[in-house]
């Protein structure tokens, strides 16, 4: 079971978007990277194509390493680690700081 899932609310721990919150939109387990909605945006040069004859610059969300994000605790609203517990024969994710279960 993964500790991070898509649509989790996370907080960025390091980098230019430190202390900003957002939702996970993509997780790459092989590269250990995540994409957070609206964060880590960069300008990318786009060549002219038939669909976009002008080209120009586009804002793109770049991936960041998994270690730079942490799940936001539902009770406190701060960063927390996640542990996996066995409740009623099912594995559930639990926030370490407050003990509440994550969806």
C-alpha atoms as a PDB file:
ATOM      1  CA  UNK A   1       0.000   0.000   0.000  1.00  0.00           C
ATOM      2  CA  UNK A   2       1.237   3.451  -0.904  1.00  0.00           C
ATOM      3  CA  UNK A   3       1.590   6.197   1.651  1.00  0.00           C
ATOM      4  CA  UNK A   4       0.757   8.861  -0.945  1.00  0.00           C
ATOM      5  CA  UNK A   5      -2.268   8.694  -3.226  1.00  0.00           C
ATOM      6  CA  UNK A   6      -3.616  10.882  -6.006  1.00  0.00           C
ATOM      7  CA  UNK A   7      -5.896  13.694  -4.730  1.00  0.00           C
ATOM      8  CA  UNK A   8      -4.151  13.788  -1.325  1.00  0.00           C
ATOM      9  CA  UNK A   9      -3.616  17.289  -0.007  1.00  0.00           C
ATOM     10  CA  UNK A  10       0.119  17.763   0.484  1.00  0.00           C
ATOM     11  CA  UNK A  11       2.432  20.514   1.652  1.00  0.00           C
ATOM     12  CA  UNK A  12       5.787  21.224   0.004  1.00  0.00           C
ATOM     13  CA  UNK A  13       8.721  20.907   2.418  1.00  0.00           C
ATOM     14  CA  UNK A  14      11.566  22.231   0.237  1.00  0.00           C
ATOM     15  CA  UNK A  15      12.161  24.294  -2.876  1.00  0.00           C
ATOM     16  CA  UNK A  16      10.772  27.511  -4.292  1.00  0.00           C
ATOM     17  CA  UNK A  17       7.177  26.602  -3.324  1.00  0.00           C
ATOM     18  CA  UNK A  18       8.007  25.725   0.301  1.00  0.00           C
ATOM     19  CA  UNK A  19       5.021  25.758   2.726  1.00  0.00           C
ATOM     20  CA  UNK A  20       2.461  25.865  -0.105  1.00  0.00           C
ATOM     21  CA  UNK A  21      -0.364  23.338  -0.220  1.00  0.00           C
ATOM     22  CA  UNK A  22      -1.860  21.548  -3.205  1.00  0.00           C
ATOM     23  CA  UNK A  23      -3.363  18.301  -4.449  1.00  0.00           C
ATOM     24  CA  UNK A  24      -1.372  15.463  -5.946  1.00  0.00           C
ATOM     25  CA  UNK A  25      -2.237  14.991  -9.609  1.00  0.00           C
ATOM     26  CA  UNK A  26       0.356  12.424 -10.626  1.00  0.00           C
ATOM     27  CA  UNK A  27       2.707   9.956  -8.910  1.00  0.00           C
ATOM     28  CA  UNK A  28       5.612   8.229 -10.658  1.00  0.00           C
ATOM     29  CA  UNK A  29       6.773   5.370  -8.436  1.00  0.00           C
ATOM     30  CA  UNK A  30       9.735   4.376 -10.632  1.00  0.00           C
ATOM     31  CA  UNK A  31      11.276   7.861 -10.637  1.00  0.00           C
ATOM     32  CA  UNK A  32       9.959   8.655  -7.117  1.00  0.00           C
ATOM     33  CA  UNK A  33       8.454  11.932  -8.265  1.00  0.00           C
ATOM     34  CA  UNK A  34       5.088  13.628  -7.826  1.00  0.00           C
ATOM     35  CA  UNK A  35       3.276  16.464  -9.561  1.00  0.00           C
ATOM     36  CA  UNK A  36       1.354  18.873  -7.334  1.00  0.00           C
ATOM     37  CA  UNK A  37      -1.480  20.873  -8.890  1.00  0.00           C
ATOM     38  CA  UNK A  38      -0.499  24.523  -9.351  1.00  0.00           C
ATOM     39  CA  UNK A  39       2.978  24.240  -7.809  1.00  0.00           C
ATOM     40  CA  UNK A  40       6.520  24.028  -9.216  1.00  0.00           C
ATOM     41  CA  UNK A  41       5.453  25.815 -12.403  1.00  0.00           C
ATOM     42  CA  UNK A  42       8.046  26.790 -14.985  1.00  0.00           C
ATOM     43  CA  UNK A  43       7.989  28.519 -18.361  1.00  0.00           C
ATOM     44  CA  UNK A  44       8.612  26.177 -21.281  1.00  0.00           C
ATOM     45  CA  UNK A  45       9.356  27.266 -24.827  1.00  0.00           C
ATOM     46  CA  UNK A  46       6.852  25.803 -27.311  1.00  0.00           C
ATOM     47  CA  UNK A  47       7.628  25.513 -30.999  1.00  0.00           C
ATOM     48  CA  UNK A  48       4.987  26.634 -33.478  1.00  0.00           C
ATOM     49  CA  UNK A  49       2.722  23.819 -34.666  1.00  0.00           C
ATOM     50  CA  UNK A  50      -0.336  23.633 -36.881  1.00  0.00           C
ATOM     51  CA  UNK A  51      -2.598  23.821 -33.809  1.00  0.00           C
ATOM     52  CA  UNK A  52      -0.636  26.727 -32.314  1.00  0.00           C
ATOM     53  CA  UNK A  53       1.020  28.631 -35.175  1.00  0.00           C
ATOM     54  CA  UNK A  54       2.499  31.296 -32.882  1.00  0.00           C
ATOM     55  CA  UNK A  55       4.286  29.018 -30.412  1.00  0.00           C
ATOM     56  CA  UNK A  56       5.682  30.995 -27.480  1.00  0.00           C
ATOM     57  CA  UNK A  57       5.932  30.103 -23.807  1.00  0.00           C
ATOM     58  CA  UNK A  58       3.690  27.812 -21.764  1.00  0.00           C
ATOM     59  CA  UNK A  59       3.398  27.346 -17.991  1.00  0.00           C
ATOM     60  CA  UNK A  60       4.114  23.711 -17.133  1.00  0.00           C
ATOM     61  CA  UNK A  61       4.019  21.890 -13.789  1.00  0.00           C
ATOM     62  CA  UNK A  62       7.267  20.001 -13.309  1.00  0.00           C
ATOM     63  CA  UNK A  63       7.669  16.926 -11.103  1.00  0.00           C
ATOM     64  CA  UNK A  64       9.346  17.132  -7.702  1.00  0.00           C
ATOM     65  CA  UNK A  65      10.864  14.407  -5.557  1.00  0.00           C
ATOM     66  CA  UNK A  66       8.605  12.519  -3.141  1.00  0.00           C
ATOM     67  CA  UNK A  67      10.788  13.496  -0.180  1.00  0.00           C
ATOM     68  CA  UNK A  68       9.921  17.167  -0.748  1.00  0.00           C
ATOM     69  CA  UNK A  69       6.200  16.728   0.012  1.00  0.00           C
ATOM     70  CA  UNK A  70       4.270  15.564   3.078  1.00  0.00           C
ATOM     71  CA  UNK A  71       0.610  14.764   3.618  1.00  0.00           C
ATOM     72  CA  UNK A  72      -1.429  17.445   5.412  1.00  0.00           C
ATOM     73  CA  UNK A  73      -3.028  16.284   8.651  1.00  0.00           C
ATOM     74  CA  UNK A  74      -6.837  16.575   8.517  1.00  0.00           C
ATOM     75  CA  UNK A  75      -7.065  17.758  12.144  1.00  0.00           C
ATOM     76  CA  UNK A  76      -4.112  20.112  12.536  1.00  0.00           C
ATOM     77  CA  UNK A  77      -3.543  21.213   8.942  1.00  0.00           C
ATOM     78  CA  UNK A  78       0.208  20.686   9.289  1.00  0.00           C
ATOM     79  CA  UNK A  79       2.603  18.258   7.620  1.00  0.00           C
ATOM     80  CA  UNK A  80       2.573  14.719   8.973  1.00  0.00           C
ATOM     81  CA  UNK A  81       4.076  11.357   8.228  1.00  0.00           C
ATOM     82  CA  UNK A  82       1.859   8.422   7.286  1.00  0.00           C
ATOM     83  CA  UNK A  83       1.841   4.933   8.741  1.00  0.00           C
ATOM     84  CA  UNK A  84      -0.143   1.924   7.626  1.00  0.00           C
ATOM     85  CA  UNK A  85      -2.194   0.090  10.246  1.00  0.00           C
ATOM     86  CA  UNK A  86      -4.364  -2.993  10.183  1.00  0.00           C
ATOM     87  CA  UNK A  87      -7.957  -2.218  11.231  1.00  0.00           C
ATOM     88  CA  UNK A  88     -10.663  -4.877  10.966  1.00  0.00           C
ATOM     89  CA  UNK A  89      -8.482  -6.913   8.609  1.00  0.00           C
ATOM     90  CA  UNK A  90      -7.994  -3.988   6.203  1.00  0.00           C
ATOM     91  CA  UNK A  91      -4.929  -1.826   5.787  1.00  0.00           C
ATOM     92  CA  UNK A  92      -5.611   1.878   6.336  1.00  0.00           C
ATOM     93  CA  UNK A  93      -3.417   4.954   6.212  1.00  0.00           C
ATOM     94  CA  UNK A  94      -3.096   6.841   9.496  1.00  0.00           C
ATOM     95  CA  UNK A  95      -1.606  10.282  10.126  1.00  0.00           C
ATOM     96  CA  UNK A  96       1.199   9.891  12.677  1.00  0.00           C
ATOM     97  CA  UNK A  97       0.797  13.320  14.314  1.00  0.00           C
ATOM     98  CA  UNK A  98      -2.924  13.192  15.111  1.00  0.00           C
ATOM     99  CA  UNK A  99      -3.846   9.513  14.655  1.00  0.00           C
ATOM    100  CA  UNK A 100      -6.721  10.198  12.248  1.00  0.00           C
ATOM    101  CA  UNK A 101      -7.324   7.893   9.306  1.00  0.00           C
ATOM    102  CA  UNK A 102      -6.746   9.198   5.787  1.00  0.00           C
ATOM    103  CA  UNK A 103      -9.142   8.402   2.957  1.00  0.00           C
END
